[in-house]
């Protein structure tokens, strides 16, 4: 499948891009090169290959959740520049 210059111009118009003639020709060539590479990949026999969701096998990337007691409110608020006894007080942001 080849992309024509008119198709590139149409997509550029939809994306509200102003492309010069040189950019249009270069982009058309680059997109056709990408499609040719994809066509080569489509010719590969992948029937016996297991599907993957990542190129590397990562295990143990996240730790298990464990319930632990949190910090005491008074201790946390002791370092606050301003508090109301229950939470931090910060300037209003509008």
N, C-alpha and C. Protein backbone atom coordinates (compact mmCIF):
# COMPACT_ATOMS: atom_id res chain seq x y z
N UNK A 1 0.84 -1.18 0.00
CA UNK A 1 0.00 0.00 0.00
C UNK A 1 0.88 1.24 0.00
N UNK A 2 0.60 2.14 -0.89
CA UNK A 2 1.37 3.38 -0.97
C UNK A 2 0.46 4.55 -0.62
N UNK A 3 1.07 5.52 0.01
CA UNK A 3 0.35 6.75 0.33
C UNK A 3 0.66 7.76 -0.76
N UNK A 4 -0.37 8.40 -1.24
CA UNK A 4 -0.18 9.40 -2.29
C UNK A 4 0.03 10.79 -1.68
N UNK A 5 0.53 11.67 -2.48
CA UNK A 5 0.74 13.05 -2.05
C UNK A 5 -0.59 13.70 -1.67
N UNK A 6 -1.65 13.33 -2.39
CA UNK A 6 -2.97 13.89 -2.11
C UNK A 6 -3.48 13.44 -0.73
N UNK A 7 -3.20 12.19 -0.36
CA UNK A 7 -3.61 11.71 0.96
C UNK A 7 -2.86 12.44 2.07
N UNK A 8 -1.57 12.68 1.86
CA UNK A 8 -0.79 13.43 2.84
C UNK A 8 -1.32 14.85 2.95
N UNK A 9 -1.65 15.46 1.83
CA UNK A 9 -2.21 16.82 1.85
C UNK A 9 -3.54 16.85 2.58
N UNK A 10 -4.36 15.83 2.38
CA UNK A 10 -5.66 15.76 3.05
C UNK A 10 -5.50 15.65 4.57
N UNK A 11 -4.60 14.76 5.01
CA UNK A 11 -4.37 14.59 6.45
C UNK A 11 -3.77 15.86 7.04
N UNK A 12 -2.86 16.50 6.30
CA UNK A 12 -2.28 17.76 6.78
C UNK A 12 -3.36 18.82 6.94
N UNK A 13 -4.29 18.86 6.02
CA UNK A 13 -5.39 19.82 6.12
C UNK A 13 -6.26 19.52 7.33
N UNK A 14 -6.57 18.24 7.57
CA UNK A 14 -7.37 17.85 8.73
C UNK A 14 -6.66 18.22 10.03
N UNK A 15 -5.33 18.10 10.05
CA UNK A 15 -4.55 18.42 11.24
C UNK A 15 -4.20 19.91 11.30
N UNK A 16 -4.68 20.66 10.32
CA UNK A 16 -4.42 22.10 10.22
C UNK A 16 -2.92 22.40 10.19
N UNK A 17 -2.20 21.62 9.37
CA UNK A 17 -0.77 21.82 9.18
C UNK A 17 -0.54 22.46 7.82
N UNK A 18 0.33 23.44 7.79
CA UNK A 18 0.72 24.04 6.51
C UNK A 18 2.08 23.47 6.14
N UNK A 19 2.10 22.65 5.10
CA UNK A 19 3.33 22.02 4.66
C UNK A 19 3.75 22.60 3.32
N UNK A 20 5.05 22.86 3.20
CA UNK A 20 5.57 23.33 1.91
C UNK A 20 5.61 22.13 0.95
N UNK A 21 5.86 22.42 -0.32
CA UNK A 21 5.94 21.34 -1.31
C UNK A 21 7.06 20.37 -0.96
N UNK A 22 8.19 20.89 -0.52
CA UNK A 22 9.31 20.03 -0.14
C UNK A 22 8.96 19.15 1.05
N UNK A 23 8.30 19.73 2.05
CA UNK A 23 7.89 18.96 3.21
C UNK A 23 6.89 17.88 2.83
N UNK A 24 5.98 18.24 1.92
CA UNK A 24 4.96 17.29 1.47
C UNK A 24 5.61 16.09 0.78
N UNK A 25 6.57 16.35 -0.09
CA UNK A 25 7.24 15.27 -0.81
C UNK A 25 8.06 14.41 0.15
N UNK A 26 8.78 15.05 1.08
CA UNK A 26 9.61 14.32 2.03
C UNK A 26 8.74 13.46 2.94
N UNK A 27 7.63 14.02 3.43
CA UNK A 27 6.73 13.28 4.31
C UNK A 27 6.08 12.11 3.58
N UNK A 28 5.70 12.31 2.33
CA UNK A 28 5.12 11.22 1.55
C UNK A 28 6.12 10.07 1.41
N UNK A 29 7.37 10.40 1.12
CA UNK A 29 8.41 9.38 1.00
C UNK A 29 8.66 8.65 2.31
N UNK A 30 8.72 9.42 3.41
CA UNK A 30 8.97 8.81 4.72
C UNK A 30 7.83 7.88 5.12
N UNK A 31 6.60 8.31 4.89
CA UNK A 31 5.46 7.45 5.24
C UNK A 31 5.44 6.19 4.39
N UNK A 32 5.79 6.30 3.12
CA UNK A 32 5.85 5.10 2.27
C UNK A 32 6.97 4.16 2.72
N UNK A 33 8.10 4.71 3.19
CA UNK A 33 9.17 3.87 3.72
C UNK A 33 8.70 3.12 4.97
N UNK A 34 7.95 3.80 5.83
CA UNK A 34 7.42 3.16 7.04
C UNK A 34 6.46 2.04 6.67
N UNK A 35 5.58 2.30 5.72
CA UNK A 35 4.62 1.27 5.29
C UNK A 35 5.33 0.08 4.66
N UNK A 36 6.42 0.33 3.92
CA UNK A 36 7.17 -0.77 3.32
C UNK A 36 7.81 -1.63 4.41
N UNK A 37 8.31 -1.00 5.46
CA UNK A 37 8.89 -1.75 6.58
C UNK A 37 7.82 -2.57 7.28
N UNK A 38 6.65 -2.01 7.45
CA UNK A 38 5.55 -2.73 8.10
C UNK A 38 5.12 -3.92 7.24
N UNK A 39 5.15 -3.75 5.94
CA UNK A 39 4.78 -4.84 5.04
C UNK A 39 5.76 -6.00 5.17
N UNK A 40 7.06 -5.68 5.33
CA UNK A 40 8.05 -6.73 5.55
C UNK A 40 7.76 -7.48 6.85
N UNK A 41 7.41 -6.74 7.90
CA UNK A 41 7.10 -7.38 9.18
C UNK A 41 5.85 -8.25 9.08
N UNK A 42 4.88 -7.82 8.29
CA UNK A 42 3.65 -8.60 8.12
C UNK A 42 3.90 -9.92 7.42
N UNK A 43 5.00 -10.05 6.69
CA UNK A 43 5.31 -11.28 5.97
C UNK A 43 5.92 -12.34 6.89
N UNK A 44 6.33 -11.95 8.10
CA UNK A 44 6.94 -12.91 9.02
C UNK A 44 5.90 -13.89 9.55
N UNK A 45 6.33 -15.14 9.73
CA UNK A 45 5.46 -16.16 10.31
C UNK A 45 5.61 -16.10 11.83
N UNK A 46 4.59 -15.62 12.50
CA UNK A 46 4.62 -15.49 13.96
C UNK A 46 3.63 -16.45 14.63
N UNK A 47 3.28 -17.53 13.95
CA UNK A 47 2.28 -18.46 14.48
C UNK A 47 2.74 -19.10 15.78
N UNK A 48 4.03 -19.45 15.91
CA UNK A 48 4.51 -20.13 17.10
C UNK A 48 5.08 -19.20 18.16
N UNK A 49 4.97 -17.90 17.96
CA UNK A 49 5.56 -16.94 18.90
C UNK A 49 4.50 -16.49 19.89
N UNK A 50 4.83 -16.62 21.16
CA UNK A 50 3.89 -16.18 22.20
C UNK A 50 3.82 -14.66 22.22
N UNK A 51 2.63 -14.15 22.42
CA UNK A 51 2.47 -12.70 22.46
C UNK A 51 3.01 -12.17 23.79
N UNK A 52 3.53 -10.97 23.74
CA UNK A 52 4.10 -10.33 24.93
C UNK A 52 3.53 -8.93 25.06
N UNK A 53 3.59 -8.42 26.27
CA UNK A 53 3.15 -7.04 26.47
C UNK A 53 4.34 -6.12 26.71
N UNK A 54 5.55 -6.70 26.81
CA UNK A 54 6.75 -5.90 27.00
C UNK A 54 7.94 -6.67 26.44
N UNK A 55 8.91 -5.96 25.93
CA UNK A 55 10.08 -6.61 25.34
C UNK A 55 10.95 -7.30 26.39
N UNK A 56 10.95 -6.77 27.60
CA UNK A 56 11.74 -7.35 28.68
C UNK A 56 10.83 -7.98 29.72
N UNK A 57 11.27 -9.10 30.28
CA UNK A 57 10.49 -9.72 31.34
C UNK A 57 10.85 -9.06 32.65
N UNK A 58 9.94 -8.29 33.19
CA UNK A 58 10.15 -7.63 34.46
C UNK A 58 9.32 -8.32 35.52
N UNK A 59 9.98 -8.77 36.57
CA UNK A 59 9.25 -9.37 37.67
C UNK A 59 9.66 -8.67 38.95
N UNK A 60 8.71 -8.53 39.83
CA UNK A 60 9.00 -7.90 41.10
C UNK A 60 9.24 -6.40 41.00
N UNK A 61 8.72 -5.77 39.98
CA UNK A 61 8.94 -4.34 39.82
C UNK A 61 8.20 -3.55 40.89
N UNK A 62 7.11 -4.09 41.39
CA UNK A 62 6.34 -3.42 42.43
C UNK A 62 6.31 -4.29 43.68
N UNK A 63 6.32 -3.64 44.81
CA UNK A 63 6.27 -4.39 46.06
C UNK A 63 4.83 -4.72 46.40
N UNK A 64 4.63 -5.71 47.23
CA UNK A 64 3.30 -6.07 47.70
C UNK A 64 2.80 -5.00 48.67
N UNK A 65 1.52 -4.73 48.63
CA UNK A 65 0.94 -3.79 49.58
C UNK A 65 0.89 -4.44 50.96
N UNK A 66 1.26 -3.67 51.95
CA UNK A 66 1.14 -4.16 53.31
C UNK A 66 0.60 -3.04 54.18
N UNK A 67 -0.28 -3.41 55.07
CA UNK A 67 -0.91 -2.44 55.96
C UNK A 67 0.08 -2.10 57.07
N UNK A 68 0.33 -0.81 57.21
CA UNK A 68 1.21 -0.34 58.28
C UNK A 68 0.58 0.89 58.92
N UNK A 69 0.88 1.15 60.15
CA UNK A 69 0.33 2.35 60.78
C UNK A 69 0.95 3.60 60.16
N UNK A 70 0.15 4.63 60.03
CA UNK A 70 0.66 5.88 59.47
C UNK A 70 1.23 6.75 60.59
N UNK A 71 1.79 7.88 60.21
CA UNK A 71 2.36 8.80 61.20
C UNK A 71 1.26 9.43 62.03
N UNK A 72 1.61 9.80 63.24
CA UNK A 72 0.65 10.49 64.10
C UNK A 72 0.41 11.90 63.58
N UNK A 73 -0.83 12.33 63.61
CA UNK A 73 -1.22 13.62 63.06
C UNK A 73 -0.45 14.76 63.73
N UNK A 74 -0.32 14.74 65.03
CA UNK A 74 0.36 15.81 65.74
C UNK A 74 1.82 15.91 65.32
N UNK A 75 2.45 14.77 65.12
CA UNK A 75 3.86 14.75 64.72
C UNK A 75 4.05 15.33 63.32
N UNK A 76 3.13 15.00 62.42
CA UNK A 76 3.22 15.51 61.05
C UNK A 76 2.96 17.02 61.03
N UNK A 77 1.94 17.46 61.73
CA UNK A 77 1.58 18.88 61.72
C UNK A 77 2.57 19.74 62.48
N UNK A 78 3.42 19.13 63.30
CA UNK A 78 4.41 19.89 64.05
C UNK A 78 5.39 20.61 63.12
N UNK A 79 5.64 20.08 61.93
CA UNK A 79 6.57 20.70 60.99
C UNK A 79 5.89 21.65 60.01
N UNK A 80 4.58 21.77 60.10
CA UNK A 80 3.85 22.60 59.15
C UNK A 80 4.00 24.07 59.52
N UNK A 81 4.17 24.96 58.53
CA UNK A 81 4.23 26.38 58.83
C UNK A 81 2.90 26.90 59.38
N UNK A 82 1.79 26.29 58.96
CA UNK A 82 0.47 26.70 59.44
C UNK A 82 -0.46 25.50 59.38
N UNK A 83 -1.21 25.28 60.45
CA UNK A 83 -2.18 24.18 60.48
C UNK A 83 -3.37 24.60 61.34
N UNK A 84 -4.45 23.86 61.19
CA UNK A 84 -5.65 24.13 61.99
C UNK A 84 -5.91 23.04 63.02
N UNK A 85 -4.90 22.22 63.27
CA UNK A 85 -5.04 21.13 64.22
C UNK A 85 -5.42 19.81 63.59
N UNK A 86 -6.00 19.87 62.39
CA UNK A 86 -6.38 18.65 61.69
C UNK A 86 -5.67 18.49 60.35
N UNK A 87 -5.31 19.62 59.71
CA UNK A 87 -4.69 19.55 58.39
C UNK A 87 -3.80 20.76 58.16
N UNK A 88 -3.07 20.72 57.07
CA UNK A 88 -2.23 21.84 56.68
C UNK A 88 -3.11 22.99 56.20
N UNK A 89 -2.70 24.21 56.47
CA UNK A 89 -3.40 25.39 55.95
C UNK A 89 -2.46 26.02 54.93
N UNK A 90 -2.98 26.17 53.70
CA UNK A 90 -2.19 26.75 52.61
C UNK A 90 -2.92 27.95 52.03
N UNK A 91 -2.20 28.84 51.34
CA UNK A 91 -2.87 29.98 50.73
C UNK A 91 -3.86 29.52 49.66
N UNK A 92 -4.93 30.28 49.51
CA UNK A 92 -5.94 29.98 48.50
C UNK A 92 -5.35 30.17 47.10
N UNK A 93 -5.63 29.24 46.22
CA UNK A 93 -5.17 29.30 44.84
C UNK A 93 -6.39 29.43 43.95
N UNK A 94 -6.43 30.48 43.17
CA UNK A 94 -7.59 30.71 42.30
C UNK A 94 -7.15 30.61 40.86
